[in-house]
Amino acid sequence: MLESLPLRLKAMLRVLGVIIALSSFSKLPPALLAVALGEDTAHVFFSSFALTAALGALLWWPFRQVHYELRLRDGFLIVTLTWLLASLVSSLPFMYAPPNLSFTAAMFEATSGLTTTGATIIVGLDELPKSVLFYRQFLQFIGGMGVVVLSVAILPMLKIGGTQLFRAESGGMTRDTKLTPRIADTAKALWGVYIGLNLLCALAFWAGGMNLFDAVCHAMATISTAGFSPYDASFGHFDSDLLEWIAVVFMLVGGINFGLHFLAWRRATMGVFFTDSELKAFLRIVGVVSVVVGLILFLGGDFESPYDAFRHATFQVVSNITTTGFATTGFSAWSGMAPLLLVGLAIIGGCAGSTTSGLKIARVVMLMRQGYREVKQLVHPRGRFLVKMGGRPVSESVVLSVSGFIALWMFCFIAMVLAMNATGLDILSSFGATVATFANLGPGLGDVASNFADVNGVAVWLGTFGMLLGRLEVFSVLVLLTPSFWRE
């Protein structure tokens, strides 16, 4: 029976088997931690590891000798199935260890971790075993690097939304944005940068007053711009100015193109950061909106001192624009337009090639410049105006690609809001749930301001789908729904 399968399908099953087998190793660190701490969750993690590894081996073994060069469109299916299957096997510990979630809730939690969304369905995090808490954070650590490798090494090859141009803007990277000649070498280089930044962040948190466990857990959620915390109160649990400013710095680091981090390390210079126009726009937005939100909070009486208003505003602005989702006091109850402004930042997102989600700064800047060009064209019909990024002209094909991506992204966003509303959520909660999941922010507004514990099952599944759709930048998933994709 297996011999009758098409060669292309055999090759894809071989790849997916390897990926599932590799994902099984995410259960070992929390299993070893459970053994070290004497927690009774160790058997759950070891069993999940064995089951996942066996499943991966069963898919891989029959086709291990298959040699077939996968086509470009096969990449869309493999990338989507990778994230779906990884989320599926990662949900097992949440079902059979505390908090013993249902399959629906466990799938939501696992997908949230791997997609670095940070939305949670769990209430009572403070009471869970440390091994389970560490597992949640470790999923985000893995997912953060998965996002970077996906966006820097794979999506440009699939030509997703013109992103290949923007990550090559500064520092002399080639147009296909490979930092090294081979994708495998690129992934290794990025892993080195990513692990190094996580270590620096953990040491900074530890030096700032966190215990070692909290420092490691929050570092994994900060560099990955994911936002899970071992506490229901999130970062507000610590109530520390120093720790919040440390988090601001490293959330910004996670929101920057990792290609720039690699080049800065390889060339031993910070100059690449100062020449990147997308990074400049990113920092300008952070600075301006932090001041605006700080003024709203101070004048609205949310905080008594200008410093406290600016401190909380800056933390939340950086947390939201990087789609990290950490919170200090809960921004949904802040004065005036601050809550809507903050969730709007998540729609914009951070820099291309980072661990953040959303539209990405480069695309938004290009769309604004394209709009400005159209205005100038109306004034001077015979003029010839170019859209430029980093002082370089951008081809019309890339401009059209970016415009199409944003149009499709916004259409999906609106459709998700309507679908959430159809499940019974009020309009504010529907909007908040869509930003929380599809934009991968984590916290939302209304009923999902803190968690999804009280949300109906249909909305939870919509949120799970939205997290995958947003993380894979819509094209990778939607292309699978077209009849032409499945025709030979």
Protein backbone atom coordinates (compact mmCIF):
# COMPACT_ATOMS: atom_id res chain seq x y z
CA MET A 1 0.00 0.00 0.00
CA LEU A 2 2.77 2.40 0.95
CA GLU A 3 4.57 1.61 -2.31
CA SER A 4 1.60 2.91 -4.29
CA LEU A 5 1.88 6.40 -2.80
CA PRO A 6 3.14 9.14 -5.13
CA LEU A 7 6.87 9.83 -4.83
CA ARG A 8 6.15 13.44 -3.93
CA LEU A 9 3.92 12.40 -0.99
CA LYS A 10 6.54 9.93 0.24
CA ALA A 11 9.16 12.68 0.28
CA MET A 12 6.85 14.98 2.22
CA LEU A 13 6.02 12.28 4.77
CA ARG A 14 9.74 11.66 5.25
CA VAL A 15 10.32 15.35 5.99
CA LEU A 16 7.32 15.58 8.33
CA GLY A 17 8.45 12.45 10.16
CA VAL A 18 11.82 14.03 10.89
CA ILE A 19 10.16 17.24 12.08
CA ILE A 20 7.77 15.41 14.41
CA ALA A 21 10.62 13.31 15.81
CA LEU A 22 12.69 16.43 16.44
CA SER A 23 9.74 18.14 18.16
CA SER A 24 9.65 15.27 20.66
CA PHE A 25 12.85 16.58 22.25
CA SER A 26 10.94 19.62 23.59
CA LYS A 27 9.57 17.29 26.29
CA LEU A 28 12.96 16.23 27.65
CA PRO A 29 14.09 19.45 29.44
CA PRO A 30 10.85 19.75 31.48
CA ALA A 31 10.97 15.98 32.14
CA LEU A 32 14.48 16.28 33.57
CA LEU A 33 13.42 19.35 35.58
CA ALA A 34 10.49 17.38 37.00
CA VAL A 35 12.87 14.58 38.05
CA ALA A 36 15.26 17.07 39.65
CA LEU A 37 12.45 18.77 41.58
CA GLY A 38 10.67 15.54 42.49
CA GLU A 39 7.45 16.51 40.67
CA ASP A 40 5.04 13.77 39.58
CA THR A 41 4.80 15.16 36.04
CA ALA A 42 7.99 13.46 34.83
CA HIS A 43 6.18 10.37 33.51
CA VAL A 44 3.86 12.57 31.42
CA PHE A 45 6.75 14.31 29.70
CA PHE A 46 8.73 11.10 29.16
CA SER A 47 5.63 9.35 27.77
CA SER A 48 4.89 12.28 25.48
CA PHE A 49 8.49 12.21 24.30
CA ALA A 50 8.35 8.48 23.52
CA LEU A 51 4.99 8.70 21.75
CA THR A 52 5.98 11.69 19.63
CA ALA A 53 9.36 10.20 18.72
CA ALA A 54 7.71 6.90 17.76
CA LEU A 55 5.15 8.68 15.58
CA GLY A 56 7.88 10.60 13.81
CA ALA A 57 9.92 7.43 13.29
CA LEU A 58 6.89 5.60 11.85
CA LEU A 59 6.43 8.34 9.27
CA TRP A 60 10.12 8.55 8.43
CA TRP A 61 11.28 4.92 8.39
CA PRO A 62 9.29 3.56 5.39
CA PHE A 63 10.45 6.46 3.21
CA ARG A 64 13.96 7.04 4.53
CA GLN A 65 15.52 6.00 1.17
CA VAL A 66 13.22 8.21 -0.93
CA HIS A 67 15.04 10.84 -2.97
CA TYR A 68 12.83 13.44 -4.55
CA GLU A 69 13.44 17.14 -5.09
CA LEU A 70 10.42 18.89 -3.65
CA ARG A 71 8.96 21.69 -5.71
CA LEU A 72 8.46 25.25 -4.61
CA ARG A 73 4.76 24.84 -3.94
CA ASP A 74 5.45 21.79 -1.75
CA GLY A 75 7.10 24.19 0.65
CA PHE A 76 3.76 25.85 1.45
CA LEU A 77 2.20 22.56 2.48
CA ILE A 78 5.23 21.39 4.45
CA VAL A 79 5.56 24.67 6.35
CA THR A 80 1.86 24.71 7.27
CA LEU A 81 1.75 21.03 8.27
CA THR A 82 4.94 21.46 10.28
CA TRP A 83 3.38 24.08 12.54
CA LEU A 84 0.06 22.23 12.73
CA LEU A 85 1.57 18.85 13.64
CA ALA A 86 4.11 20.38 16.02
CA SER A 87 1.26 22.11 17.86
CA LEU A 88 -0.72 18.87 17.93
CA VAL A 89 2.02 16.74 19.53
CA SER A 90 3.02 19.61 21.84
CA SER A 91 -0.48 19.69 23.33
CA LEU A 92 -0.12 16.26 25.00
CA PRO A 93 1.55 17.37 28.27
CA PHE A 94 -1.14 20.01 28.85
CA MET A 95 -3.80 17.29 28.70
CA TYR A 96 -2.19 14.68 30.96
CA ALA A 97 -0.33 16.89 33.45
CA PRO A 98 -1.73 19.78 35.47
CA PRO A 99 -3.74 21.78 34.50
CA ASN A 100 -5.23 18.72 32.65
CA LEU A 101 -6.79 20.74 29.85
CA SER A 102 -9.29 19.48 27.31
CA PHE A 103 -7.98 18.77 23.81
CA THR A 104 -9.42 22.07 22.55
CA ALA A 105 -7.77 24.08 25.33
CA ALA A 106 -4.49 22.14 25.14
CA MET A 107 -4.25 22.69 21.38
CA PHE A 108 -4.85 26.41 21.92
CA GLU A 109 -2.15 26.63 24.61
CA ALA A 110 0.43 24.65 22.61
CA THR A 111 -0.24 26.62 19.41
CA SER A 112 0.01 29.86 21.36
CA GLY A 113 3.41 28.82 22.66
CA LEU A 114 4.90 27.64 19.38
CA THR A 115 3.57 30.61 17.40
CA THR A 116 4.91 32.95 20.11
CA THR A 117 1.43 34.41 20.55
CA GLY A 118 1.33 34.34 24.35
CA ALA A 119 -2.46 34.08 24.69
CA THR A 120 -3.35 31.65 27.45
CA ILE A 121 -6.41 29.69 28.45
CA ILE A 122 -4.98 28.76 31.86
CA VAL A 123 -5.98 30.47 35.12
CA GLY A 124 -3.90 29.76 38.22
CA LEU A 125 -0.43 29.67 36.69
CA ASP A 126 1.16 30.42 40.04
CA GLU A 127 0.01 27.03 41.37
CA LEU A 128 1.22 24.83 38.49
CA PRO A 129 4.29 22.55 38.75
CA LYS A 130 7.49 24.26 37.65
CA SER A 131 8.08 21.62 34.99
CA VAL A 132 4.78 22.54 33.29
CA LEU A 133 5.56 26.25 33.54
CA PHE A 134 9.02 25.65 32.09
CA TYR A 135 7.49 23.63 29.23
CA ARG A 136 5.24 26.56 28.28
CA GLN A 137 8.23 28.88 28.16
CA PHE A 138 10.38 26.36 26.27
CA LEU A 139 7.75 26.05 23.54
CA GLN A 140 8.07 29.77 22.99
CA PHE A 141 11.85 29.54 22.89
CA ILE A 142 11.60 26.92 20.13
CA GLY A 143 8.85 28.82 18.32
CA GLY A 144 10.78 32.07 18.35
CA MET A 145 13.71 30.57 16.45
CA GLY A 146 11.27 28.70 14.23
CA VAL A 147 9.75 32.03 13.25
CA VAL A 148 13.12 33.59 12.50
CA VAL A 149 14.32 30.67 10.37
CA LEU A 150 10.96 30.64 8.61
CA SER A 151 11.02 34.36 7.87
CA VAL A 152 14.70 34.75 7.02
CA ALA A 153 15.53 31.48 5.29
CA ILE A 154 12.31 29.95 3.98
CA LEU A 155 9.61 32.55 3.27
CA PRO A 156 11.81 34.58 0.90
CA MET A 157 12.22 31.45 -1.23
CA LEU A 158 8.44 31.08 -1.30
CA LYS A 159 8.20 34.81 -2.13
CA ILE A 160 5.82 35.68 0.67
CA GLY A 161 4.69 39.30 0.48
CA GLY A 162 7.93 40.74 -0.87
CA THR A 163 9.77 40.26 2.43
CA GLN A 164 12.92 39.16 0.65
CA LEU A 165 13.79 42.76 -0.21
CA PHE A 166 13.51 44.32 3.21
CA ARG A 167 15.82 42.00 5.07
CA ALA A 168 18.45 42.68 2.44
CA GLU A 169 18.15 46.44 2.78
CA SER A 170 21.28 47.15 4.75
CA GLY A 171 24.56 45.44 5.39
CA GLY A 172 25.03 44.05 1.91
CA MET A 173 22.99 40.87 2.26
CA THR A 174 22.02 39.26 -1.02
CA ARG A 175 18.54 39.65 -2.45
CA ASP A 176 17.47 36.21 -1.31
CA THR A 177 18.58 37.30 2.18
CA LYS A 178 20.71 34.27 2.90
CA LEU A 179 23.21 35.30 5.55
CA THR A 180 25.36 32.35 4.56
CA PRO A 181 25.42 30.41 1.26
CA ARG A 182 23.26 27.51 2.49
CA ILE A 183 19.95 27.59 4.36
CA ALA A 184 21.28 25.06 6.88
CA ASP A 185 24.23 27.34 7.60
CA THR A 186 21.88 30.31 7.89
CA ALA A 187 19.77 28.45 10.43
CA LYS A 188 22.86 27.53 12.48
CA ALA A 189 24.10 31.13 12.43
CA LEU A 190 20.72 32.43 13.57
CA TRP A 191 20.52 29.80 16.32
CA GLY A 192 23.87 30.99 17.63
CA VAL A 193 22.71 34.61 17.75
CA TYR A 194 19.37 33.62 19.27
CA ILE A 195 20.84 31.49 22.06
CA GLY A 196 23.42 34.16 22.84
CA LEU A 197 20.73 36.83 23.21
CA ASN A 198 18.67 34.54 25.44
CA LEU A 199 21.65 33.97 27.71
CA LEU A 200 22.34 37.71 27.95
CA CYS A 201 18.69 38.40 28.75
CA ALA A 202 18.55 35.70 31.42
CA LEU A 203 21.70 37.02 33.08
CA ALA A 204 20.30 40.55 33.03
CA PHE A 205 17.03 39.45 34.64
CA TRP A 206 18.95 37.42 37.23
CA ALA A 207 21.18 40.36 38.05
CA GLY A 208 18.07 42.58 38.23
CA GLY A 209 16.53 40.55 41.05
CA MET A 210 14.71 37.54 39.55
CA ASN A 211 15.52 34.08 40.79
CA LEU A 212 17.26 31.83 38.25
CA PHE A 213 14.09 29.96 37.25
CA ASP A 214 12.13 33.15 36.58
CA ALA A 215 15.08 34.73 34.79
CA VAL A 216 15.44 31.82 32.37
CA CYS A 217 11.68 31.52 31.80
CA HIS A 218 11.16 35.22 31.13
CA ALA A 219 14.24 35.43 28.91
CA MET A 220 12.80 32.70 26.67
CA ALA A 221 9.56 34.65 26.40
CA THR A 222 11.26 38.03 25.87
CA ILE A 223 13.71 37.37 23.04
CA SER A 224 11.07 35.27 21.27
CA THR A 225 8.65 38.22 21.81
CA ALA A 226 6.16 35.61 22.99
CA GLY A 227 4.85 36.82 26.35
CA PHE A 228 4.08 33.74 28.43
CA SER A 229 4.85 34.19 32.11
CA PRO A 230 4.81 31.71 35.01
CA TYR A 231 2.49 34.14 36.83
CA ASP A 232 -1.11 35.21 36.23
CA ALA A 233 -0.04 38.80 36.86
CA SER A 234 2.55 38.55 34.06
CA PHE A 235 5.39 41.05 34.48
CA GLY A 236 3.32 42.96 37.05
CA HIS A 237 4.17 40.19 39.52
CA PHE A 238 7.60 41.73 40.07
CA ASP A 239 6.60 45.42 40.28
CA SER A 240 10.19 46.40 39.55
CA ASP A 241 11.29 49.42 37.53
CA LEU A 242 14.66 47.86 36.81
CA LEU A 243 13.27 44.56 35.53
CA GLU A 244 10.75 46.37 33.34
CA TRP A 245 13.45 48.51 31.70
CA ILE A 246 15.58 45.41 31.14
CA ALA A 247 12.57 43.77 29.49
CA VAL A 248 12.03 46.85 27.30
CA VAL A 249 15.60 46.63 26.00
CA PHE A 250 15.43 42.94 25.19
CA MET A 251 11.93 43.10 23.71
CA LEU A 252 13.29 45.73 21.34
CA VAL A 253 16.19 43.43 20.56
CA GLY A 254 13.72 40.65 19.73
CA GLY A 255 11.77 43.05 17.53
CA ILE A 256 14.78 43.85 15.32
CA ASN A 257 15.69 41.94 12.16
CA PHE A 258 17.86 39.03 13.29
CA GLY A 259 19.86 39.39 10.10
CA LEU A 260 21.15 42.69 11.53
CA HIS A 261 22.09 40.98 14.80
CA PHE A 262 24.05 38.38 12.84
CA LEU A 263 25.86 40.97 10.75
CA ALA A 264 26.65 43.09 13.80
CA TRP A 265 28.17 40.04 15.48
CA ARG A 266 30.07 38.85 12.40
CA ARG A 267 31.49 42.28 11.60
CA ALA A 268 31.94 43.29 15.26
CA THR A 269 30.26 46.64 14.63
CA MET A 270 27.02 48.34 15.56
CA GLY A 271 27.03 50.33 12.34
CA VAL A 272 24.54 48.05 10.59
CA PHE A 273 21.83 49.12 13.04
CA PHE A 274 22.31 52.82 12.32
CA THR A 275 21.94 52.44 8.56
CA ASP A 276 18.73 50.39 8.55
CA SER A 277 15.73 52.54 7.63
CA GLU A 278 13.19 50.02 8.92
CA LEU A 279 14.82 50.02 12.36
CA LYS A 280 14.83 53.82 12.41
CA ALA A 281 11.10 53.89 11.64
CA PHE A 282 10.50 51.23 14.30
CA LEU A 283 12.27 53.24 17.01
CA ARG A 284 10.53 56.47 15.96
CA ILE A 285 7.13 54.85 16.35
CA VAL A 286 8.08 53.45 19.76
CA GLY A 287 9.33 56.85 20.95
CA VAL A 288 6.39 58.92 19.71
CA VAL A 289 3.65 56.53 20.85
CA SER A 290 5.30 56.07 24.26
CA VAL A 291 5.15 59.83 24.85
CA VAL A 292 1.53 60.01 23.63
CA VAL A 293 0.36 57.10 25.79
CA GLY A 294 2.35 58.44 28.76
CA LEU A 295 0.57 61.79 28.48
CA ILE A 296 -2.83 60.06 28.23
CA LEU A 297 -2.12 58.03 31.37
CA PHE A 298 -0.84 60.99 33.37
CA LEU A 299 -3.59 63.40 32.33
CA GLY A 300 -6.21 60.68 32.76
CA GLY A 301 -5.11 60.05 36.34
CA ASP A 302 -4.05 56.44 35.82
CA PHE A 303 -0.70 57.18 37.49
CA GLU A 304 0.16 60.00 39.87
CA SER A 305 3.68 60.79 38.68
CA PRO A 306 4.86 61.52 35.12
CA TYR A 307 7.65 58.97 35.57
CA ASP A 308 5.27 56.12 36.44
CA ALA A 309 3.01 57.06 33.52
CA PHE A 310 5.96 57.11 31.09
CA ARG A 311 7.45 53.92 32.53
CA HIS A 312 4.26 51.89 32.15
CA ALA A 313 3.49 53.47 28.79
CA THR A 314 6.93 52.64 27.37
CA PHE A 315 6.82 49.08 28.64
CA GLN A 316 3.37 48.44 27.17
CA VAL A 317 4.11 50.18 23.87
CA VAL A 318 7.23 48.05 23.35
CA SER A 319 5.44 44.92 24.55
CA ASN A 320 2.58 45.46 22.09
CA ILE A 321 4.43 46.62 18.99
CA THR A 322 6.76 43.62 19.31
CA THR A 323 3.64 41.45 19.89
CA THR A 324 5.26 40.15 23.08
CA GLY A 325 2.17 40.67 25.21
CA PHE A 326 3.75 41.15 28.62
CA ALA A 327 1.65 43.36 30.92
CA THR A 328 2.24 45.26 34.13
CA THR A 329 -1.11 46.66 35.28
CA GLY A 330 -3.43 45.55 32.48
CA PHE A 331 -3.70 48.13 29.70
CA SER A 332 -7.32 47.32 28.77
CA ALA A 333 -8.59 49.51 31.62
CA TRP A 334 -6.37 52.52 30.89
CA SER A 335 -7.85 55.92 30.09
CA GLY A 336 -9.04 57.30 26.79
CA MET A 337 -7.83 55.88 23.52
CA ALA A 338 -4.75 54.22 25.07
CA PRO A 339 -6.12 50.62 24.89
CA LEU A 340 -7.12 50.89 21.23
CA LEU A 341 -3.88 52.63 20.33
CA LEU A 342 -1.88 49.89 22.02
CA VAL A 343 -3.66 47.00 20.30
CA GLY A 344 -3.29 48.88 17.02
CA LEU A 345 0.48 48.71 17.47
CA ALA A 346 0.28 44.91 17.39
CA ILE A 347 -1.29 45.12 13.94
CA ILE A 348 1.78 47.06 12.75
CA GLY A 349 4.22 44.67 14.44
CA GLY A 350 8.01 44.84 14.58
CA CYS A 351 10.73 44.55 11.94
CA ALA A 352 10.79 41.98 9.17
CA GLY A 353 13.04 39.02 9.99
CA SER A 354 12.33 39.32 13.72
CA THR A 355 10.34 37.10 16.08
CA THR A 356 7.42 39.56 16.02
CA SER A 357 4.15 39.21 14.12
CA GLY A 358 1.76 41.74 12.57
CA LEU A 359 2.19 43.44 9.20
CA LYS A 360 5.83 44.42 9.87
CA ILE A 361 7.26 47.93 9.85
CA ALA A 362 8.85 47.60 6.40
CA ARG A 363 5.56 46.76 4.74
CA VAL A 364 3.68 49.55 6.52
CA VAL A 365 6.36 52.10 5.61
CA MET A 366 6.28 50.96 2.00
CA LEU A 367 2.49 51.19 1.88
CA MET A 368 2.63 54.76 3.23
CA ARG A 369 5.25 55.73 0.66
CA GLN A 370 3.21 54.12 -2.09
CA GLY A 371 0.19 56.15 -0.97
CA TYR A 372 2.25 59.35 -0.91
CA ARG A 373 3.52 58.55 -4.40
CA GLU A 374 -0.06 58.28 -5.65
CA VAL A 375 -0.86 61.70 -4.18
CA LYS A 376 2.18 63.23 -5.94
CA GLN A 377 1.14 61.49 -9.15
CA LEU A 378 -2.25 63.22 -8.97
CA VAL A 379 -0.57 66.62 -8.63
CA HIS A 380 1.99 65.89 -11.37
CA PRO A 381 0.36 63.39 -13.77
CA ARG A 382 3.37 63.31 -16.08
CA GLY A 383 5.90 62.92 -13.32
CA ARG A 384 7.74 59.69 -12.62
CA PHE A 385 8.05 58.91 -8.94
CA LEU A 386 9.74 55.93 -7.32
CA VAL A 387 9.08 54.19 -4.03
CA LYS A 388 12.36 53.90 -2.15
CA MET A 389 13.45 51.93 0.89
CA GLY A 390 16.79 52.74 2.45
CA GLY A 391 17.51 55.13 -0.40
CA ARG A 392 17.10 52.40 -3.01
CA PRO A 393 14.28 52.18 -5.56
CA VAL A 394 11.84 49.34 -5.02
CA SER A 395 10.61 47.37 -8.04
CA GLU A 396 6.94 47.63 -8.95
CA SER A 397 6.54 43.87 -8.49
CA VAL A 398 7.56 44.15 -4.85
CA VAL A 399 5.28 47.16 -4.30
CA LEU A 400 2.36 45.19 -5.74
CA SER A 401 3.29 42.13 -3.70
CA VAL A 402 3.33 44.11 -0.46
CA SER A 403 0.08 45.91 -1.30
CA GLY A 404 -1.57 42.58 -2.07
CA PHE A 405 -0.29 41.04 1.13
CA ILE A 406 -1.61 43.89 3.30
CA ALA A 407 -4.98 43.86 1.52
CA LEU A 408 -5.33 40.11 2.07
CA TRP A 409 -4.10 40.37 5.67
CA MET A 410 -6.69 43.06 6.48
CA PHE A 411 -9.44 41.04 4.76
CA CYS A 412 -8.58 38.02 6.91
CA PHE A 413 -8.49 40.24 10.01
CA ILE A 414 -12.00 41.57 9.34
CA ALA A 415 -13.29 38.08 8.54
CA MET A 416 -11.83 36.82 11.83
CA VAL A 417 -13.53 39.62 13.80
CA LEU A 418 -16.88 38.78 12.19
CA ALA A 419 -16.40 35.06 12.83
CA MET A 420 -15.52 35.69 16.48
CA ASN A 421 -18.62 37.87 16.81
CA ALA A 422 -20.74 35.12 15.24
CA THR A 423 -19.70 32.72 18.02
CA GLY A 424 -21.32 34.99 20.60
CA LEU A 425 -18.51 37.33 21.65
CA ASP A 426 -19.38 41.02 21.84
CA ILE A 427 -17.78 43.27 19.24
CA LEU A 428 -15.04 44.61 21.55
CA SER A 429 -14.09 41.09 22.64
CA SER A 430 -14.22 39.90 19.01
CA PHE A 431 -11.82 42.64 17.95
CA GLY A 432 -9.60 42.00 20.97
CA ALA A 433 -9.58 38.24 20.39
CA THR A 434 -8.58 38.73 16.75
CA VAL A 435 -5.69 41.03 17.65
CA ALA A 436 -4.68 38.64 20.42
CA THR A 437 -4.54 35.60 18.10
CA PHE A 438 -4.30 36.61 14.45
CA ALA A 439 -1.82 39.43 15.23
CA ASN A 440 -0.16 37.13 17.81
CA LEU A 441 -0.32 39.74 20.57
CA GLY A 442 -1.56 37.53 23.42
CA PRO A 443 -3.70 39.78 25.62
CA GLY A 444 -6.71 41.44 24.02
CA LEU A 445 -9.68 43.57 25.00
CA GLY A 446 -13.05 42.83 26.59
CA ASP A 447 -13.54 39.22 27.71
CA VAL A 448 -10.04 38.24 26.52
CA ALA A 449 -8.13 41.06 28.19
CA SER A 450 -6.28 38.58 30.40
CA ASN A 451 -7.00 35.07 29.11
CA PHE A 452 -9.34 32.92 27.01
CA ALA A 453 -10.60 30.81 29.92
CA ASP A 454 -14.22 32.01 29.62
CA VAL A 455 -14.40 31.94 25.82
CA ASN A 456 -16.62 29.39 24.04
CA GLY A 457 -15.04 26.41 22.31
CA VAL A 458 -15.75 27.58 18.76
CA ALA A 459 -14.01 30.89 19.42
CA VAL A 460 -11.06 29.01 20.94
CA TRP A 461 -10.66 26.95 17.76
CA LEU A 462 -10.97 30.10 15.68
CA GLY A 463 -8.22 31.60 17.79
CA THR A 464 -6.03 28.53 17.25
CA PHE A 465 -6.52 28.79 13.50
CA GLY A 466 -5.92 32.54 13.65
CA MET A 467 -2.60 32.06 15.44
CA LEU A 468 -1.35 29.72 12.72
CA LEU A 469 -2.71 31.93 9.94
CA GLY A 470 -1.09 35.06 11.37
CA ARG A 471 2.20 33.38 12.19
CA LEU A 472 2.51 31.93 8.68
CA GLU A 473 1.68 35.30 7.10
CA VAL A 474 -1.64 34.19 5.55
CA PHE A 475 -0.35 33.32 2.05
CA SER A 476 1.23 30.04 3.22
CA VAL A 477 -2.12 28.79 4.51
CA LEU A 478 -4.57 30.37 2.07
CA VAL A 479 -2.70 29.09 -0.97
CA LEU A 480 -3.61 25.57 0.22
CA LEU A 481 -7.30 26.46 -0.11
CA THR A 482 -7.07 27.20 -3.83
CA PRO A 483 -8.12 24.37 -6.21
CA SER A 484 -5.20 25.11 -8.54
CA PHE A 485 -2.71 24.24 -5.78
CA TRP A 486 -3.87 20.62 -5.74
CA ARG A 487 -3.82 20.14 -9.51
CA GLU A 488 -0.79 18.42 -10.94
